[in-house]
C-alpha atoms as a PDB file:
ATOM      1  CA  MET A   1     136.710 -42.213 104.195  1.00  0.00           C
ATOM      2  CA  GLN A   2     137.332 -46.027 105.787  1.00  0.00           C
ATOM      3  CA  ALA A   3     139.107 -48.693 103.572  1.00  0.00           C
ATOM      4  CA  ALA A   4     137.413 -51.766 102.596  1.00  0.00           C
ATOM      5  CA  MET A   5     137.117 -54.516 104.742  1.00  0.00           C
ATOM      6  CA  GLN A   6     139.459 -57.329 104.129  1.00  0.00           C
ATOM      7  CA  PRO A   7     138.066 -60.699 102.924  1.00  0.00           C
ATOM      8  CA  ARG A   8     137.615 -63.204 106.158  1.00  0.00           C
ATOM      9  CA  THR A   9     139.704 -66.416 106.208  1.00  0.00           C
ATOM     10  CA  ARG A  10     137.982 -69.680 105.660  1.00  0.00           C
ATOM     11  CA  ARG A  11     138.948 -73.126 107.025  1.00  0.00           C
ATOM     12  CA  ARG A  12     139.662 -75.206 103.749  1.00  0.00           C
ATOM     13  CA  PRO A  13     136.596 -78.166 103.609  1.00  0.00           C
ATOM     14  CA  PRO A  14     138.158 -81.849 103.653  1.00  0.00           C
ATOM     15  CA  VAL A  15     138.493 -83.728 100.641  1.00  0.00           C
ATOM     16  CA  LEU A  16     136.124 -85.810  99.310  1.00  0.00           C
ATOM     17  CA  PRO A  17     135.975 -88.689  96.373  1.00  0.00           C
ATOM     18  CA  ARG A  18     135.753 -87.161  93.101  1.00  0.00           C
ATOM     19  CA  THR A  19     131.590 -89.243  92.673  1.00  0.00           C
ATOM     20  CA  ALA A  20     130.917 -87.356  95.983  1.00  0.00           C
ATOM     21  CA  ARG A  21     132.319 -83.777  94.642  1.00  0.00           C
ATOM     22  CA  ALA A  22     130.746 -84.022  91.500  1.00  0.00           C
ATOM     23  CA  ALA A  23     127.254 -84.834  93.446  1.00  0.00           C
ATOM     24  CA  VAL A  24     128.014 -81.585  95.936  1.00  0.00           C
ATOM     25  CA  LEU A  25     129.319 -79.023  92.817  1.00  0.00           C
ATOM     26  CA  LEU A  26     125.678 -80.208  91.321  1.00  0.00           C
ATOM     27  CA  LEU A  27     123.624 -79.963  94.398  1.00  0.00           C
ATOM     28  CA  ALA A  28     125.471 -76.354  95.026  1.00  0.00           C
ATOM     29  CA  ALA A  29     124.940 -74.682  91.081  1.00  0.00           C
ATOM     30  CA  THR A  30     120.980 -75.948  91.560  1.00  0.00           C
ATOM     31  CA  LEU A  31     120.734 -74.068  95.115  1.00  0.00           C
ATOM     32  CA  ALA A  32     122.941 -71.236  93.774  1.00  0.00           C
ATOM     33  CA  GLY A  33     120.227 -70.786  90.746  1.00  0.00           C
ATOM     34  CA  CYS A  34     122.738 -71.255  88.116  1.00  0.00           C
ATOM     35  CA  GLU A  35     121.246 -71.235  84.356  1.00  0.00           C
ATOM     36  CA  GLY A  36     123.266 -71.594  81.015  1.00  0.00           C
ATOM     37  CA  PRO A  37     127.049 -71.602  81.256  1.00  0.00           C
ATOM     38  CA  GLY A  38     127.293 -68.986  83.676  1.00  0.00           C
ATOM     39  CA  ARG A  39     127.080 -68.976  87.653  1.00  0.00           C
ATOM     40  CA  VAL A  40     125.695 -67.352  90.171  1.00  0.00           C
ATOM     41  CA  VAL A  41     128.413 -67.045  93.562  1.00  0.00           C
ATOM     42  CA  PRO A  42     126.872 -66.598  97.060  1.00  0.00           C
ATOM     43  CA  THR A  43     129.706 -64.266  98.904  1.00  0.00           C
ATOM     44  CA  LEU A  44     127.888 -63.007 101.610  1.00  0.00           C
ATOM     45  CA  PRO A  45     125.946 -64.725 104.662  1.00  0.00           C
ATOM     46  CA  THR A  46     122.831 -66.443 103.585  1.00  0.00           C
ATOM     47  CA  PRO A  47     119.947 -63.650 103.756  1.00  0.00           C
ATOM     48  CA  LEU A  48     117.836 -63.975 106.972  1.00  0.00           C
ATOM     49  CA  THR A  49     114.559 -62.889 105.099  1.00  0.00           C
ATOM     50  CA  GLU A  50     114.191 -64.127 101.230  1.00  0.00           C
ATOM     51  CA  PHE A  51     112.998 -61.482  99.541  1.00  0.00           C
ATOM     52  CA  HIS A  52     108.883 -62.210  98.340  1.00  0.00           C
ATOM     53  CA  PRO A  53     107.204 -59.536  95.916  1.00  0.00           C
ATOM     54  CA  ALA A  54     104.160 -57.770  96.736  1.00  0.00           C
ATOM     55  CA  SER A  55     102.107 -59.136  93.926  1.00  0.00           C
ATOM     56  CA  PRO A  56     102.764 -61.821  91.367  1.00  0.00           C
ATOM     57  CA  ARG A  57     105.169 -61.534  88.745  1.00  0.00           C
ATOM     58  CA  PRO A  58     103.522 -62.114  85.506  1.00  0.00           C
ATOM     59  CA  THR A  59     105.266 -62.729  82.596  1.00  0.00           C
ATOM     60  CA  PRO A  60     106.962 -59.578  80.810  1.00  0.00           C
ATOM     61  CA  ARG A  61     105.843 -58.319  77.454  1.00  0.00           C
ATOM     62  CA  PRO A  62     108.300 -58.452  74.513  1.00  0.00           C
ATOM     63  CA  SER A  63     110.639 -55.750  74.495  1.00  0.00           C
ATOM     64  CA  ALA A  64     111.588 -54.139  71.451  1.00  0.00           C
ATOM     65  CA  THR A  65     115.005 -54.063  72.249  1.00  0.00           C
ATOM     66  CA  PRO A  66     117.105 -57.069  70.900  1.00  0.00           C
ATOM     67  CA  PRO A  67     118.167 -59.303  73.194  1.00  0.00           C
ATOM     68  CA  PRO A  68     122.421 -58.809  75.159  1.00  0.00           C
ATOM     69  CA  ALA A  69     123.576 -61.627  73.356  1.00  0.00           C
ATOM     70  CA  ALA A  70     123.061 -60.241  70.048  1.00  0.00           C
ATOM     71  CA  ARG A  71     125.281 -57.631  70.721  1.00  0.00           C
ATOM     72  CA  GLY A  72     128.245 -59.152  72.625  1.00  0.00           C
ATOM     73  CA  ASP A  73     129.918 -62.203  74.526  1.00  0.00           C
ATOM     74  CA  ILE A  74     130.151 -61.766  78.271  1.00  0.00           C
ATOM     75  CA  ARG A  75     130.920 -65.588  78.768  1.00  0.00           C
ATOM     76  CA  GLY A  76     133.661 -65.304  81.928  1.00  0.00           C
ATOM     77  CA  ALA A  77     132.949 -62.121  83.021  1.00  0.00           C
ATOM     78  CA  ARG A  78     133.593 -61.094  86.857  1.00  0.00           C
ATOM     79  CA  ILE A  79     130.009 -58.869  87.317  1.00  0.00           C
ATOM     80  CA  VAL A  80     128.938 -58.118  90.976  1.00  0.00           C
ATOM     81  CA  ILE A  81     125.464 -56.950  91.007  1.00  0.00           C
ATOM     82  CA  ASP A  82     124.818 -54.616  93.921  1.00  0.00           C
ATOM     83  CA  ALA A  83     121.093 -54.220  95.288  1.00  0.00           C
ATOM     84  CA  GLY A  84     121.098 -50.787  97.005  1.00  0.00           C
ATOM     85  CA  HIS A  85     120.161 -50.679 100.550  1.00  0.00           C
ATOM     86  CA  GLY A  86     118.142 -53.680 102.342  1.00  0.00           C
ATOM     87  CA  GLY A  87     117.553 -55.073 105.587  1.00  0.00           C
ATOM     88  CA  ARG A  88     117.430 -52.076 108.352  1.00  0.00           C
ATOM     89  CA  ASP A  89     117.975 -49.751 105.559  1.00  0.00           C
ATOM     90  CA  PRO A  90     114.924 -49.179 103.178  1.00  0.00           C
ATOM     91  CA  GLY A  91     116.422 -46.450 100.908  1.00  0.00           C
ATOM     92  CA  ALA A  92     113.897 -43.314  99.696  1.00  0.00           C
ATOM     93  CA  GLY A  93     111.797 -42.617 101.901  1.00  0.00           C
ATOM     94  CA  ARG A  94     111.436 -38.974 102.591  1.00  0.00           C
ATOM     95  CA  GLY A  95     108.774 -37.533  99.648  1.00  0.00           C
ATOM     96  CA  THR A  96     108.285 -41.308  98.472  1.00  0.00           C
ATOM     97  CA  ARG A  97     105.360 -41.687  96.135  1.00  0.00           C
ATOM     98  CA  SER A  98     105.881 -45.018  95.902  1.00  0.00           C
ATOM     99  CA  ARG A  99     104.164 -47.872  97.266  1.00  0.00           C
ATOM    100  CA  LEU A 100     107.265 -50.319  97.522  1.00  0.00           C
ATOM    101  CA  PRO A 101     110.387 -49.264  99.267  1.00  0.00           C
ATOM    102  CA  GLU A 102     113.414 -48.785  97.219  1.00  0.00           C
ATOM    103  CA  LYS A 103     115.070 -51.445  98.883  1.00  0.00           C
ATOM    104  CA  THR A 104     112.437 -54.114  97.376  1.00  0.00           C
ATOM    105  CA  ILE A 105     112.664 -52.103  93.845  1.00  0.00           C
ATOM    106  CA  THR A 106     116.299 -52.788  93.591  1.00  0.00           C
ATOM    107  CA  LEU A 107     116.097 -56.102  94.580  1.00  0.00           C
ATOM    108  CA  ASP A 108     114.032 -57.349  92.193  1.00  0.00           C
ATOM    109  CA  ILE A 109     115.790 -55.446  89.527  1.00  0.00           C
ATOM    110  CA  ALA A 110     118.973 -57.050  90.377  1.00  0.00           C
ATOM    111  CA  ASN A 111     117.804 -60.670  91.344  1.00  0.00           C
ATOM    112  CA  ARG A 112     116.344 -60.598  87.213  1.00  0.00           C
ATOM    113  CA  LEU A 113     119.551 -58.803  86.355  1.00  0.00           C
ATOM    114  CA  VAL A 114     121.738 -61.667  88.192  1.00  0.00           C
ATOM    115  CA  LYS A 115     119.733 -64.409  87.078  1.00  0.00           C
ATOM    116  CA  THR A 116     119.700 -62.963  82.911  1.00  0.00           C
ATOM    117  CA  LEU A 117     123.611 -62.314  83.257  1.00  0.00           C
ATOM    118  CA  ALA A 118     124.011 -65.911  84.821  1.00  0.00           C
ATOM    119  CA  SER A 119     122.399 -67.559  82.072  1.00  0.00           C
ATOM    120  CA  MET A 120     124.422 -65.670  79.296  1.00  0.00           C
ATOM    121  CA  GLY A 121     127.617 -67.021  80.911  1.00  0.00           C
ATOM    122  CA  ALA A 122     128.853 -64.422  83.021  1.00  0.00           C
ATOM    123  CA  THR A 123     129.757 -65.449  86.735  1.00  0.00           C
ATOM    124  CA  VAL A 124     127.494 -62.898  89.031  1.00  0.00           C
ATOM    125  CA  TYR A 125     128.126 -61.801  92.489  1.00  0.00           C
ATOM    126  CA  PRO A 126     125.197 -60.656  93.886  1.00  0.00           C
ATOM    127  CA  THR A 127     125.639 -58.524  97.003  1.00  0.00           C
ATOM    128  CA  ARG A 128     122.480 -59.926  98.871  1.00  0.00           C
ATOM    129  CA  THR A 129     119.823 -62.011  97.740  1.00  0.00           C
ATOM    130  CA  GLY A 130     117.304 -60.982 100.299  1.00  0.00           C
ATOM    131  CA  ASP A 131     116.297 -58.284 102.558  1.00  0.00           C
ATOM    132  CA  THR A 132     119.530 -58.194 104.122  1.00  0.00           C
ATOM    133  CA  TYR A 133     121.990 -55.089 104.663  1.00  0.00           C
ATOM    134  CA  PRO A 134     125.784 -55.841 103.338  1.00  0.00           C
ATOM    135  CA  SER A 135     127.869 -52.823 104.735  1.00  0.00           C
ATOM    136  CA  LEU A 136     129.301 -50.772 102.211  1.00  0.00           C
ATOM    137  CA  ASN A 137     132.318 -51.792 103.099  1.00  0.00           C
ATOM    138  CA  ASP A 138     131.159 -55.413 102.604  1.00  0.00           C
ATOM    139  CA  ARG A 139     130.125 -54.248  98.877  1.00  0.00           C
ATOM    140  CA  VAL A 140     133.417 -53.270  97.647  1.00  0.00           C
ATOM    141  CA  ALA A 141     135.302 -55.805  99.513  1.00  0.00           C
ATOM    142  CA  LEU A 142     133.779 -57.818  97.268  1.00  0.00           C
ATOM    143  CA  ALA A 143     134.671 -55.930  94.357  1.00  0.00           C
ATOM    144  CA  GLU A 144     138.527 -56.176  95.031  1.00  0.00           C
ATOM    145  CA  ARG A 145     138.188 -59.874  95.950  1.00  0.00           C
ATOM    146  CA  VAL A 146     136.563 -61.186  93.363  1.00  0.00           C
ATOM    147  CA  LYS A 147     138.733 -58.976  90.917  1.00  0.00           C
ATOM    148  CA  ALA A 148     135.196 -58.141  89.390  1.00  0.00           C
ATOM    149  CA  ASP A 149     135.522 -56.986  85.902  1.00  0.00           C
ATOM    150  CA  LEU A 150     132.265 -54.914  86.252  1.00  0.00           C
ATOM    151  CA  PHE A 151     130.550 -53.442  89.747  1.00  0.00           C
ATOM    152  CA  VAL A 152     127.004 -52.648  88.874  1.00  0.00           C
ATOM    153  CA  SER A 153     125.116 -50.839  91.790  1.00  0.00           C
ATOM    154  CA  ILE A 154     121.152 -50.782  91.392  1.00  0.00           C
ATOM    155  CA  HIS A 155     119.174 -47.524  93.220  1.00  0.00           C
ATOM    156  CA  ALA A 156     116.097 -45.504  92.704  1.00  0.00           C
ATOM    157  CA  ASP A 157     116.269 -41.832  93.428  1.00  0.00           C
ATOM    158  CA  SER A 158     114.607 -39.044  95.343  1.00  0.00           C
ATOM    159  CA  ALA A 159     114.625 -35.212  94.916  1.00  0.00           C
ATOM    160  CA  ARG A 160     112.712 -32.006  96.219  1.00  0.00           C
ATOM    161  CA  ASN A 161     111.570 -31.483  92.582  1.00  0.00           C
ATOM    162  CA  PRO A 162     108.613 -33.894  92.066  1.00  0.00           C
ATOM    163  CA  ASP A 163     109.115 -33.114  88.347  1.00  0.00           C
ATOM    164  CA  ALA A 164     112.618 -34.710  88.315  1.00  0.00           C
ATOM    165  CA  SER A 165     112.477 -38.522  86.471  1.00  0.00           C
ATOM    166  CA  GLY A 166     114.543 -40.296  84.482  1.00  0.00           C
ATOM    167  CA  VAL A 167     117.191 -42.752  84.692  1.00  0.00           C
ATOM    168  CA  GLY A 168     120.721 -41.662  86.000  1.00  0.00           C
ATOM    169  CA  ILE A 169     124.013 -43.217  85.917  1.00  0.00           C
ATOM    170  CA  PHE A 170     126.810 -42.303  87.825  1.00  0.00           C
ATOM    171  CA  ILE A 171     130.871 -42.673  88.287  1.00  0.00           C
ATOM    172  CA  TYR A 172     133.369 -41.477  90.538  1.00  0.00           C
ATOM    173  CA  ASN A 173     134.643 -38.344  90.246  1.00  0.00           C
ATOM    174  CA  GLN A 174     137.864 -39.827  89.013  1.00  0.00           C
ATOM    175  CA  ALA A 175     136.395 -42.330  87.486  1.00  0.00           C
ATOM    176  CA  SER A 176     138.816 -44.967  85.681  1.00  0.00           C
ATOM    177  CA  THR A 177     138.570 -45.003  81.488  1.00  0.00           C
ATOM    178  CA  ALA A 178     137.083 -48.680  81.509  1.00  0.00           C
ATOM    179  CA  SER A 179     134.104 -46.815  83.955  1.00  0.00           C
ATOM    180  CA  GLN A 180     133.379 -44.039  81.943  1.00  0.00           C
ATOM    181  CA  ARG A 181     133.396 -46.266  78.892  1.00  0.00           C
ATOM    182  CA  ALA A 182     131.060 -48.238  80.696  1.00  0.00           C
ATOM    183  CA  ALA A 183     128.720 -45.432  81.744  1.00  0.00           C
ATOM    184  CA  MET A 184     128.282 -44.467  78.091  1.00  0.00           C
ATOM    185  CA  ARG A 185     127.282 -48.022  77.088  1.00  0.00           C
ATOM    186  CA  MET A 186     124.734 -48.052  79.979  1.00  0.00           C
ATOM    187  CA  ALA A 187     123.592 -44.873  78.552  1.00  0.00           C
ATOM    188  CA  ALA A 188     123.024 -45.625  75.271  1.00  0.00           C
ATOM    189  CA  ALA A 189     121.421 -48.898  76.084  1.00  0.00           C
ATOM    190  CA  ILE A 190     119.001 -47.344  78.344  1.00  0.00           C
ATOM    191  CA  GLU A 191     117.615 -44.758  75.785  1.00  0.00           C
ATOM    192  CA  ALA A 192     118.002 -47.878  73.113  1.00  0.00           C
ATOM    193  CA  ALA A 193     115.066 -49.536  75.438  1.00  0.00           C
ATOM    194  CA  GLY A 194     112.842 -46.326  75.381  1.00  0.00           C
ATOM    195  CA  LEU A 195     113.291 -44.989  78.516  1.00  0.00           C
ATOM    196  CA  GLU A 196     114.027 -41.628  79.644  1.00  0.00           C
ATOM    197  CA  CYS A 197     118.247 -41.202  80.492  1.00  0.00           C
ATOM    198  CA  ARG A 198     119.131 -38.320  82.431  1.00  0.00           C
ATOM    199  CA  GLY A 199     122.676 -39.555  80.962  1.00  0.00           C
ATOM    200  CA  VAL A 200     126.169 -39.883  82.934  1.00  0.00           C
ATOM    201  CA  GLN A 201     126.904 -37.668  85.890  1.00  0.00           C
ATOM    202  CA  ARG A 202     129.956 -37.770  88.551  1.00  0.00           C
ATOM    203  CA  ALA A 203     129.483 -38.594  92.561  1.00  0.00           C
ATOM    204  CA  ASN A 204     131.632 -39.523  95.198  1.00  0.00           C
ATOM    205  CA  PHE A 205     129.213 -42.257  96.266  1.00  0.00           C
ATOM    206  CA  HIS A 206     131.182 -44.876  98.687  1.00  0.00           C
ATOM    207  CA  VAL A 207     130.478 -47.848  96.268  1.00  0.00           C
ATOM    208  CA  LEU A 208     132.091 -46.577  93.503  1.00  0.00           C
ATOM    209  CA  ARG A 209     134.973 -44.383  95.392  1.00  0.00           C
ATOM    210  CA  GLU A 210     136.416 -47.042  97.937  1.00  0.00           C
ATOM    211  CA  HIS A 211     137.616 -50.070  95.474  1.00  0.00           C
ATOM    212  CA  ASN A 212     139.689 -49.950  91.974  1.00  0.00           C
ATOM    213  CA  ARG A 213     137.373 -51.923  89.375  1.00  0.00           C
ATOM    214  CA  PRO A 214     135.490 -50.548  86.895  1.00  0.00           C
ATOM    215  CA  ALA A 215     131.576 -49.348  88.274  1.00  0.00           C
ATOM    216  CA  MET A 216     128.827 -47.445  87.930  1.00  0.00           C
ATOM    217  CA  LEU A 217     125.589 -46.788  90.052  1.00  0.00           C
ATOM    218  CA  ILE A 218     122.312 -46.875  88.030  1.00  0.00           C
ATOM    219  CA  GLU A 219     119.451 -44.802  89.797  1.00  0.00           C
ATOM    220  CA  CYS A 220     116.456 -46.447  88.163  1.00  0.00           C
ATOM    221  CA  GLY A 221     113.810 -43.716  88.464  1.00  0.00           C
ATOM    222  CA  PHE A 222     112.460 -41.240  90.941  1.00  0.00           C
ATOM    223  CA  LEU A 223     111.001 -42.393  93.446  1.00  0.00           C
ATOM    224  CA  THR A 224     109.283 -39.022  94.325  1.00  0.00           C
ATOM    225  CA  ASN A 225     107.802 -38.454  90.829  1.00  0.00           C
ATOM    226  CA  ALA A 226     104.495 -40.020  90.713  1.00  0.00           C
ATOM    227  CA  GLY A 227     105.019 -41.458  87.005  1.00  0.00           C
ATOM    228  CA  ASP A 228     108.482 -42.843  88.077  1.00  0.00           C
ATOM    229  CA  ALA A 229     107.042 -44.731  90.907  1.00  0.00           C
ATOM    230  CA  ALA A 230     104.318 -45.900  89.264  1.00  0.00           C
ATOM    231  CA  ARG A 231     106.442 -47.310  86.629  1.00  0.00           C
ATOM    232  CA  LEU A 232     108.992 -48.886  89.568  1.00  0.00           C
ATOM    233  CA  ASN A 233     105.773 -50.513  91.492  1.00  0.00           C
ATOM    234  CA  ASP A 234     105.282 -52.600  87.956  1.00  0.00           C
ATOM    235  CA  PRO A 235     107.037 -55.655  87.816  1.00  0.00           C
ATOM    236  CA  ASP A 236     106.857 -55.397  84.060  1.00  0.00           C
ATOM    237  CA  HIS A 237     108.739 -52.124  83.819  1.00  0.00           C
ATOM    238  CA  ARG A 238     111.361 -53.511  86.280  1.00  0.00           C
ATOM    239  CA  ALA A 239     111.957 -56.345  83.947  1.00  0.00           C
ATOM    240  CA  ARG A 240     112.306 -54.142  80.805  1.00  0.00           C
ATOM    241  CA  LEU A 241     115.393 -52.359  83.151  1.00  0.00           C
ATOM    242  CA  ALA A 242     116.876 -55.472  84.046  1.00  0.00           C
ATOM    243  CA  ALA A 243     116.902 -55.808  80.132  1.00  0.00           C
ATOM    244  CA  ALA A 244     118.032 -53.048  79.415  1.00  0.00           C
ATOM    245  CA  ILE A 245     120.727 -52.755  81.850  1.00  0.00           C
ATOM    246  CA  ALA A 246     122.096 -56.169  80.381  1.00  0.00           C
ATOM    247  CA  ASP A 247     122.344 -54.890  77.615  1.00  0.00           C
ATOM    248  CA  GLY A 248     124.179 -52.108  78.479  1.00  0.00           C
ATOM    249  CA  ILE A 249     126.813 -54.636  80.338  1.00  0.00           C
ATOM    250  CA  VAL A 250     127.203 -56.730  76.940  1.00  0.00           C
ATOM    251  CA  ARG A 251     127.832 -53.351  75.149  1.00  0.00           C
ATOM    252  CA  PHE A 252     130.392 -52.743  77.805  1.00  0.00           C
ATOM    253  CA  PHE A 253     132.205 -55.597  76.774  1.00  0.00           C
ATOM    254  CA  ALA A 254     132.164 -55.974  73.588  1.00  0.00           C
ATOM    255  CA  LYS A 255     135.314 -55.346  71.691  1.00  0.00           C
END
């Protein structure tokens, strides 16, 4: 077991006049893709390769699931969204039935989720926004550094059994009460969206074990299952998954 990396020390920027500071902040917010009252905080080096989907994204079909804002308030919540794999690590490979690699699928779902949460007022910290590979230690160190109220890692599963399917939600073997509650609320949201849910399971994943913040890892389907793989290759389905995950996060913060 390796300890999480310590955050790097940064030089303090020069002090600018008030009007200049305002202009710089406005430009930074625009470049970060902020929407509404929330913000997306770039916390890792700028990706070398920006993500480009394999096909144009059509406008998602309306979902029967009520919008997350109808159930709770996440304004001010600090949420880390981790798109699994990336860069040199494509993710699931052996036996996959998917046209797209796992790293591309997870990034698209995560980017949609980041945008939704920021528009609802949360402060969102993505571990990556392009085809790069932050180390596992970088990902967990980020959760500790920003004192995350919730850490959510997005993945897609694989199995020897090609019939295995559905969304799985994982928490650490010795998960905190908050992590358990977050996972149960997420399972309820996945089911409410009409998606197949395999329930909550425990695992010894590095990104769940090596920090002390509430956390869960979501396997969004099996790339070794023909049906799941076809759905995960569909932008409409990825949008539906992102909306369901956002709903689960809001359910967790609802008092």
